[in-house]
Amino acid sequence: MDPPAPGLDLCLESDHGCEHICESTPGSFHCRCLPGYSLNDDGKTCAAIDLCAEEKHGCEQICVSSPGSFTCDCNKGFKLNEDKKTCTMIEYCSFGNHSCDHECASVLNGYHCRCHRGYRLLDDGRSCQATDVVDSLDVSAHGTRVGLVQYSSRVRTEFPLNMYHSADEIKAAVMKVDYMEKGTMTGLALKHMLETSFSEAEGARPAGRNIPRIGLVFTDGRSQDDITEFAKKAKEAGITMHAVGVGKAVEDELREIASEPVEKHFYYTTDFTAISTIAENLKLNVCPEESQGEIEVKDPCACESLVEFQQATMSNLEQLTNKLSGMTARLEQLENQLLSRK
C-alpha cells in the first residue's frame, strides 16, 4: 500500500472516526475536541469537562455543570448573592411579620412566630398568651419558697429558695434568666438539686419541720450522664419528684425521675404549646394532702420546691359553694316574707 502523498489533506476524505474535529497534519491527521471537552484515550471520542466534579468551581451550595463551564445555585430557602457563588438564607420575616403577635423568626424555607419571655405561643401559631404559673404559688417567707436551677452541660443556680418572697419577684427574676448553651447533664442537675438546692444554706427549712419538698425537672432531651443514682437518692430523701419532658426527652428517663405513682408525676409533650395544660395538671397533683411524718402540715401547699403550685381551684370552688348557700338562704327568707304579707 502506498503511503499518502505529502501535503494531502486526509480529513477531506473522511473524519476518520473523530467525534468532533478531524485536523490534518502533513501526511497524517489527529482528532480534536470542541472547547469544554477533552479527548479520550482512544484518540477519537470526546468527553465533557466536568468542573463541578473536579471541584474547580467555588460554589457554596450547588454547582451546575455545562461542558467546560458551570453555574452556581442555592438550596431551597436560599438566594444567590451578587458574587454568583455564595448563598444567603431568605429572610421571610423581612417581608412582614406575617400576623405574629410578638416576633417573626425566619427559618429555612419559611418562618415561625415567637413569643417574648413569659408568654407562650397558642395553637394558632401566631397569638401569645402570658403564662401565669407563678401566680398560683403561695409565695412568702412562711409559705411556698421557690428556687430555680438551670442546666445544660453544667449546672447553675439562678436563684435559691430564700431569695424571693413574692410571685412578682420570681416572675421578674425568671424574665432576666439567660438561657444556657446546649447540653443535657440531667444527672448532674439532680445531684446539685439534692445536695445544694435543698440545703438550709440556700433557704430550705429544717427537715425536722416536715415541710414537703417538691422537685420539678424540665428537660427537652436525652440525658448525657447517668440519672439513676441521684434520681433514687432524691426520692429516698423525701423529695417528691415531678418530671416534665418536651420534644426529644426520653420517657424511660422521665419515669425513672418521677415519684410513685409514676403516672401522676411524669408528663410529656411534643412541643412547648402544651405546657399550660401540664401546668394545670401539676396544680392538682404537686401538693400532697398531708405530710407523712410526725408533724402535720396544716396548709398542704405551703411547700418549698424548685417549682411548686398551689391547689387554688378547690379553694375557689369551696368559696363559690358557700356564697351560693348564703344566697339560697337569703332567697328563702325573702320568699317567706312575701308570703306572710299576702
Protein backbone atom coordinates (compact mmCIF):
# COMPACT_ATOMS: atom_id res chain seq x y z
CA MET A 1 0.00 0.00 0.00
CA ASP A 2 1.37 3.33 -0.98
CA PRO A 3 1.74 5.92 1.81
CA PRO A 4 -0.32 9.08 1.45
CA ALA A 5 1.23 11.79 -0.59
CA PRO A 6 2.81 14.62 1.43
CA GLY A 7 0.51 17.64 1.71
CA LEU A 8 -2.61 15.59 1.10
CA ASP A 9 -5.46 16.70 3.42
CA LEU A 10 -6.66 13.36 4.78
CA CYS A 11 -9.53 14.97 6.69
CA LEU A 12 -11.09 15.98 3.38
CA GLU A 13 -11.57 12.32 2.55
CA SER A 14 -13.35 11.45 5.82
CA ASP A 15 -13.49 12.30 9.53
CA HIS A 16 -11.52 9.12 10.28
CA GLY A 17 -13.76 8.39 13.26
CA CYS A 18 -13.12 11.71 15.03
CA GLU A 19 -16.18 12.53 17.13
CA HIS A 20 -15.75 16.31 16.91
CA ILE A 21 -12.97 17.61 14.64
CA CYS A 22 -10.54 15.92 12.27
CA GLU A 23 -7.41 18.02 11.94
CA SER A 24 -4.95 17.33 9.13
CA THR A 25 -1.19 17.32 9.54
CA PRO A 26 1.37 16.80 6.76
CA GLY A 27 0.66 13.29 5.51
CA SER A 28 -1.47 12.44 8.58
CA PHE A 29 -4.23 13.68 10.89
CA HIS A 30 -5.38 13.77 14.54
CA CYS A 31 -8.69 14.21 16.29
CA ARG A 32 -9.52 17.31 18.33
CA CYS A 33 -12.43 18.20 20.64
CA LEU A 34 -14.58 21.31 20.91
CA PRO A 35 -13.94 23.75 23.80
CA GLY A 36 -15.20 22.32 27.10
CA TYR A 37 -14.40 18.75 26.07
CA SER A 38 -11.30 16.57 26.40
CA LEU A 39 -10.05 13.83 24.08
CA ASN A 40 -10.46 10.31 25.44
CA ASP A 41 -7.69 7.74 25.46
CA ASP A 42 -8.93 6.23 22.21
CA GLY A 43 -7.76 9.41 20.48
CA LYS A 44 -11.10 9.88 18.74
CA THR A 45 -14.02 10.36 21.11
CA CYS A 46 -14.60 13.36 23.39
CA ALA A 47 -15.87 13.77 26.98
CA ALA A 48 -17.31 16.93 28.56
CA ILE A 49 -15.01 18.51 31.12
CA ASP A 50 -16.97 18.46 34.44
CA LEU A 51 -15.58 21.32 36.51
CA CYS A 52 -18.12 20.57 39.27
CA ALA A 53 -16.85 17.01 39.67
CA GLU A 54 -13.29 18.30 39.74
CA GLU A 55 -14.36 20.82 42.43
CA LYS A 56 -12.97 23.69 40.40
CA HIS A 57 -15.93 25.99 40.98
CA GLY A 58 -16.10 27.66 44.43
CA CYS A 59 -19.90 27.30 44.66
CA GLU A 60 -21.07 27.38 48.30
CA GLN A 61 -24.03 25.03 47.82
CA ILE A 62 -24.86 23.72 44.33
CA CYS A 63 -22.68 23.52 41.21
CA VAL A 64 -24.47 23.02 37.85
CA SER A 65 -22.14 21.68 35.17
CA SER A 66 -22.02 22.52 31.48
CA PRO A 67 -19.21 21.38 29.13
CA GLY A 68 -16.11 23.14 30.34
CA SER A 69 -18.11 25.57 32.44
CA PHE A 70 -20.53 25.78 35.38
CA THR A 71 -23.02 27.98 37.20
CA CYS A 72 -23.72 28.15 40.94
CA ASP A 73 -27.15 27.72 42.50
CA CYS A 74 -28.59 27.59 46.03
CA ASN A 75 -30.72 25.17 48.01
CA LYS A 76 -34.40 25.88 48.55
CA GLY A 77 -34.86 28.71 51.01
CA PHE A 78 -31.62 30.44 49.98
CA LYS A 79 -30.80 33.04 47.35
CA LEU A 80 -27.62 33.50 45.29
CA ASN A 81 -25.54 36.52 46.26
CA GLU A 82 -24.10 39.04 43.80
CA ASP A 83 -20.80 37.15 43.67
CA LYS A 84 -22.77 34.33 41.96
CA LYS A 85 -21.17 31.77 44.26
CA THR A 86 -22.26 32.24 47.89
CA CYS A 87 -25.80 31.88 49.28
CA THR A 88 -27.85 33.68 51.93
CA MET A 89 -30.95 32.34 53.67
CA ILE A 90 -34.11 34.11 52.54
CA GLU A 91 -35.37 36.28 55.42
CA TYR A 92 -39.10 35.67 55.09
CA CYS A 93 -39.75 37.98 58.02
CA SER A 94 -38.22 40.87 56.06
CA PHE A 95 -41.44 40.85 54.00
CA GLY A 96 -43.56 41.49 57.12
CA ASN A 97 -44.33 39.92 60.48
CA HIS A 98 -46.93 37.53 58.99
CA SER A 99 -49.51 38.47 61.66
CA CYS A 100 -47.28 37.24 64.50
CA ASP A 101 -48.46 38.64 67.83
CA HIS A 102 -44.92 39.30 69.09
CA GLU A 103 -41.98 38.29 66.87
CA CYS A 104 -41.48 36.74 63.44
CA ALA A 105 -38.46 34.42 63.20
CA SER A 106 -37.14 33.37 59.79
CA VAL A 107 -36.29 29.70 59.41
CA LEU A 108 -35.23 27.58 56.45
CA ASN A 109 -37.97 27.64 53.79
CA GLY A 110 -40.28 29.80 55.87
CA TYR A 111 -40.86 31.42 59.26
CA HIS A 112 -42.49 30.86 62.61
CA CYS A 113 -43.94 33.17 65.24
CA ARG A 114 -42.19 33.52 68.57
CA CYS A 115 -43.34 34.99 71.88
CA HIS A 116 -41.47 37.12 74.38
CA ARG A 117 -40.29 35.53 77.59
CA GLY A 118 -43.15 34.96 79.99
CA TYR A 119 -45.58 34.22 77.16
CA ARG A 120 -46.50 31.05 75.29
CA LEU A 121 -47.49 30.55 71.67
CA LEU A 122 -51.11 29.46 71.21
CA ASP A 123 -52.32 26.73 68.87
CA ASP A 124 -52.97 29.21 66.04
CA GLY A 125 -49.21 29.61 65.75
CA ARG A 126 -49.42 33.42 65.92
CA SER A 127 -51.02 34.57 69.18
CA CYS A 128 -49.16 34.86 72.50
CA GLN A 129 -50.59 34.41 75.99
CA ALA A 130 -48.98 35.32 79.29
CA THR A 131 -48.10 32.34 81.48
CA ASP A 132 -49.38 32.73 85.00
CA VAL A 133 -47.93 29.61 86.64
CA VAL A 134 -46.14 31.58 89.34
CA ASP A 135 -49.32 33.49 90.18
CA SER A 136 -50.79 30.26 91.56
CA LEU A 137 -47.97 29.92 94.10
CA ASP A 138 -48.44 30.84 97.74
CA VAL A 139 -45.03 32.53 97.74
CA SER A 140 -43.89 34.01 101.05
CA ALA A 141 -41.22 33.56 103.69
CA HIS A 142 -43.63 31.36 105.69
CA GLY A 143 -45.42 29.77 102.73
CA THR A 144 -44.03 28.44 99.48
CA ARG A 145 -40.36 29.00 98.77
CA VAL A 146 -39.20 28.74 95.19
CA GLY A 147 -35.74 28.23 93.76
CA LEU A 148 -34.66 27.87 90.16
CA VAL A 149 -31.78 25.83 88.75
CA GLN A 150 -30.81 25.77 85.08
CA TYR A 151 -28.62 23.14 83.49
CA SER A 152 -27.08 22.16 80.18
CA SER A 153 -23.57 20.69 80.12
CA ARG A 154 -23.19 22.38 83.52
CA VAL A 155 -25.49 23.41 86.37
CA ARG A 156 -26.23 26.92 87.59
CA THR A 157 -28.44 28.15 90.43
CA GLU A 158 -30.44 31.08 89.07
CA PHE A 159 -31.86 31.90 92.49
CA PRO A 160 -32.08 29.90 95.77
CA LEU A 161 -35.14 29.15 97.84
CA ASN A 162 -34.66 32.05 100.24
CA MET A 163 -34.07 34.85 97.73
CA TYR A 164 -37.59 35.94 96.73
CA HIS A 165 -40.74 36.24 98.80
CA SER A 166 -43.45 37.09 96.25
CA ALA A 167 -44.69 35.81 92.91
CA ASP A 168 -43.92 39.16 91.26
CA GLU A 169 -40.29 38.98 92.36
CA ILE A 170 -39.97 35.45 90.98
CA LYS A 171 -41.51 36.38 87.63
CA ALA A 172 -39.18 39.35 87.30
CA ALA A 173 -36.18 37.14 88.07
CA VAL A 174 -37.23 34.48 85.57
CA MET A 175 -37.57 37.11 82.84
CA LYS A 176 -33.91 38.03 83.36
CA VAL A 177 -32.56 34.49 83.08
CA ASP A 178 -30.06 33.96 80.26
CA TYR A 179 -30.53 30.57 78.67
CA MET A 180 -27.56 28.23 78.60
CA GLU A 181 -25.89 26.57 75.65
CA LYS A 182 -26.75 23.06 74.50
CA GLY A 183 -26.19 20.02 76.71
CA THR A 184 -28.30 17.78 78.93
CA MET A 185 -26.49 16.72 82.11
CA THR A 186 -29.65 15.76 83.98
CA GLY A 187 -27.81 13.52 86.46
CA LEU A 188 -25.53 16.39 87.45
CA ALA A 189 -28.56 18.66 87.86
CA LEU A 190 -30.28 16.13 90.16
CA LYS A 191 -27.13 15.91 92.28
CA HIS A 192 -26.99 19.71 92.54
CA MET A 193 -30.68 19.89 93.47
CA LEU A 194 -30.30 17.27 96.20
CA GLU A 195 -27.02 18.44 97.72
CA THR A 196 -27.25 22.20 97.21
CA SER A 197 -30.69 23.49 96.29
CA PHE A 198 -32.48 21.80 99.21
CA SER A 199 -29.81 22.74 101.74
CA GLU A 200 -30.58 25.09 104.63
CA ALA A 201 -27.81 27.34 103.32
CA GLU A 202 -29.95 28.02 100.23
CA GLY A 203 -33.16 28.56 102.15
CA ALA A 204 -34.62 25.10 102.75
CA ARG A 205 -36.29 24.86 106.13
CA PRO A 206 -35.02 22.16 108.53
CA ALA A 207 -36.04 18.65 107.54
CA GLY A 208 -37.38 18.09 111.06
CA ARG A 209 -40.22 20.52 110.39
CA ASN A 210 -41.51 18.02 107.85
CA ILE A 211 -42.44 20.61 105.26
CA PRO A 212 -42.93 18.88 101.90
CA ARG A 213 -40.13 19.27 99.38
CA ILE A 214 -41.04 19.02 95.73
CA GLY A 215 -38.66 18.98 92.78
CA LEU A 216 -39.81 19.63 89.25
CA VAL A 217 -37.43 18.72 86.41
CA PHE A 218 -37.96 20.11 82.90
CA THR A 219 -35.92 18.51 80.10
CA ASP A 220 -36.08 18.51 76.31
CA GLY A 221 -33.52 15.82 75.51
CA ARG A 222 -31.82 12.57 76.45
CA SER A 223 -29.51 12.89 79.45
CA GLN A 224 -25.81 12.81 78.63
CA ASP A 225 -24.93 11.33 82.01
CA ASP A 226 -26.38 8.73 84.37
CA ILE A 227 -29.51 9.78 86.27
CA THR A 228 -30.16 6.59 88.23
CA GLU A 229 -28.14 7.33 91.38
CA PHE A 230 -29.40 10.80 92.18
CA ALA A 231 -32.96 10.24 90.95
CA LYS A 232 -33.13 7.45 93.53
CA LYS A 233 -31.39 9.44 96.27
CA ALA A 234 -33.69 12.43 95.78
CA LYS A 235 -36.77 10.29 96.34
CA GLU A 236 -35.14 8.49 99.28
CA ALA A 237 -34.51 11.92 100.82
CA GLY A 238 -38.26 12.53 100.78
CA ILE A 239 -38.38 14.86 97.79
CA THR A 240 -41.48 14.35 95.67
CA MET A 241 -40.18 14.40 92.11
CA HIS A 242 -42.14 15.53 89.06
CA ALA A 243 -40.59 15.10 85.60
CA VAL A 244 -41.73 17.08 82.56
CA GLY A 245 -40.36 16.14 79.13
CA VAL A 246 -40.63 18.11 75.89
CA GLY A 247 -39.67 17.16 72.33
CA LYS A 248 -36.73 14.74 72.37
CA ALA A 249 -37.00 13.90 76.07
CA VAL A 250 -36.84 10.16 76.81
CA GLU A 251 -39.90 8.67 78.50
CA ASP A 252 -37.92 5.99 80.37
CA GLU A 253 -35.75 8.70 81.95
CA LEU A 254 -38.79 10.75 82.93
CA ARG A 255 -40.33 7.72 84.60
CA GLU A 256 -37.11 7.00 86.47
CA ILE A 257 -37.02 10.55 87.85
CA ALA A 258 -40.73 10.67 88.78
CA SER A 259 -42.04 9.62 92.18
CA GLU A 260 -44.67 6.92 92.66
CA PRO A 261 -47.29 6.64 91.35
CA VAL A 262 -45.34 7.45 88.21
CA GLU A 263 -48.38 8.29 86.07
CA LYS A 264 -49.21 11.09 88.48
CA HIS A 265 -45.71 12.53 88.49
CA PHE A 266 -44.46 12.48 84.92
CA TYR A 267 -45.64 14.45 81.89
CA TYR A 268 -44.61 14.58 78.24
CA THR A 269 -45.47 16.83 75.31
CA THR A 270 -44.07 17.07 71.79
CA ASP A 271 -43.63 20.86 72.00
CA PHE A 272 -43.99 23.77 74.41
CA THR A 273 -47.52 24.65 73.31
CA ALA A 274 -48.97 22.12 75.78
CA ILE A 275 -47.02 23.37 78.80
CA SER A 276 -50.02 25.31 80.09
CA THR A 277 -52.11 22.12 80.16
CA ILE A 278 -49.34 20.34 82.04
CA ALA A 279 -49.17 23.24 84.49
CA GLU A 280 -52.87 22.88 85.25
CA ASN A 281 -52.37 19.17 85.98
CA LEU A 282 -49.42 19.96 88.20
CA LYS A 283 -51.51 22.37 90.25
CA LEU A 284 -53.80 19.47 91.13
CA ASN A 285 -51.06 16.91 91.77
CA VAL A 286 -47.98 18.61 93.12
CA CYS A 287 -49.05 19.21 96.74
CA PRO A 288 -49.80 16.23 98.97
CA GLU A 289 -52.92 16.23 101.10
CA GLU A 290 -50.82 15.90 104.21
CA SER A 291 -47.29 15.09 105.23
CA GLN A 292 -46.30 11.57 106.09
CA GLY A 293 -44.23 12.42 109.19
CA GLU A 294 -44.94 13.30 112.78
CA ILE A 295 -45.80 16.93 112.13
CA GLU A 296 -48.87 17.54 110.03
CA VAL A 297 -48.71 20.34 107.51
CA LYS A 298 -51.85 22.40 108.03
CA ASP A 299 -51.55 24.08 104.64
CA PRO A 300 -50.58 21.25 102.28
CA CYS A 301 -49.46 23.69 99.60
CA ALA A 302 -47.10 25.63 101.87
CA CYS A 303 -44.42 23.53 100.19
CA GLU A 304 -40.90 24.56 99.33
CA SER A 305 -39.67 23.40 95.97
CA LEU A 306 -37.74 24.16 92.86
CA VAL A 307 -41.08 24.77 91.17
CA GLU A 308 -44.34 24.33 93.14
CA PHE A 309 -48.02 25.10 92.67
CA GLN A 310 -50.92 25.93 94.96
CA GLN A 311 -54.15 23.97 94.68
CA ALA A 312 -56.23 27.11 94.33
CA THR A 313 -59.04 25.61 92.27
CA MET A 314 -60.57 23.64 95.15
CA SER A 315 -60.43 26.67 97.41
CA ASN A 316 -62.26 28.79 94.84
CA LEU A 317 -64.94 26.14 94.40
CA GLU A 318 -65.44 25.99 98.15
CA GLN A 319 -65.85 29.77 98.32
CA LEU A 320 -68.38 29.73 95.47
CA THR A 321 -70.33 26.94 97.19
CA ASN A 322 -70.51 28.95 100.43
CA LYS A 323 -71.70 32.03 98.54
CA LEU A 324 -74.35 30.01 96.74
CA SER A 325 -75.61 28.55 100.04
CA GLY A 326 -75.86 32.05 101.51
CA MET A 327 -77.79 33.36 98.50
CA THR A 328 -80.19 30.40 98.66
CA ALA A 329 -80.90 31.04 102.32
CA ARG A 330 -81.48 34.73 101.64
CA LEU A 331 -83.93 33.96 98.76
CA GLU A 332 -85.88 31.59 101.02
CA GLN A 333 -86.09 34.32 103.65
CA LEU A 334 -87.39 36.87 101.14
CA GLU A 335 -89.93 34.36 99.79
CA ASN A 336 -91.28 33.71 103.29
CA GLN A 337 -91.62 37.45 103.92
CA LEU A 338 -93.63 37.88 100.72
CA LEU A 339 -95.95 35.01 101.64
CA SER A 340 -96.55 36.43 105.12
CA ARG A 341 -97.74 39.76 103.64
CA LYS A 342 -100.45 38.17 101.50
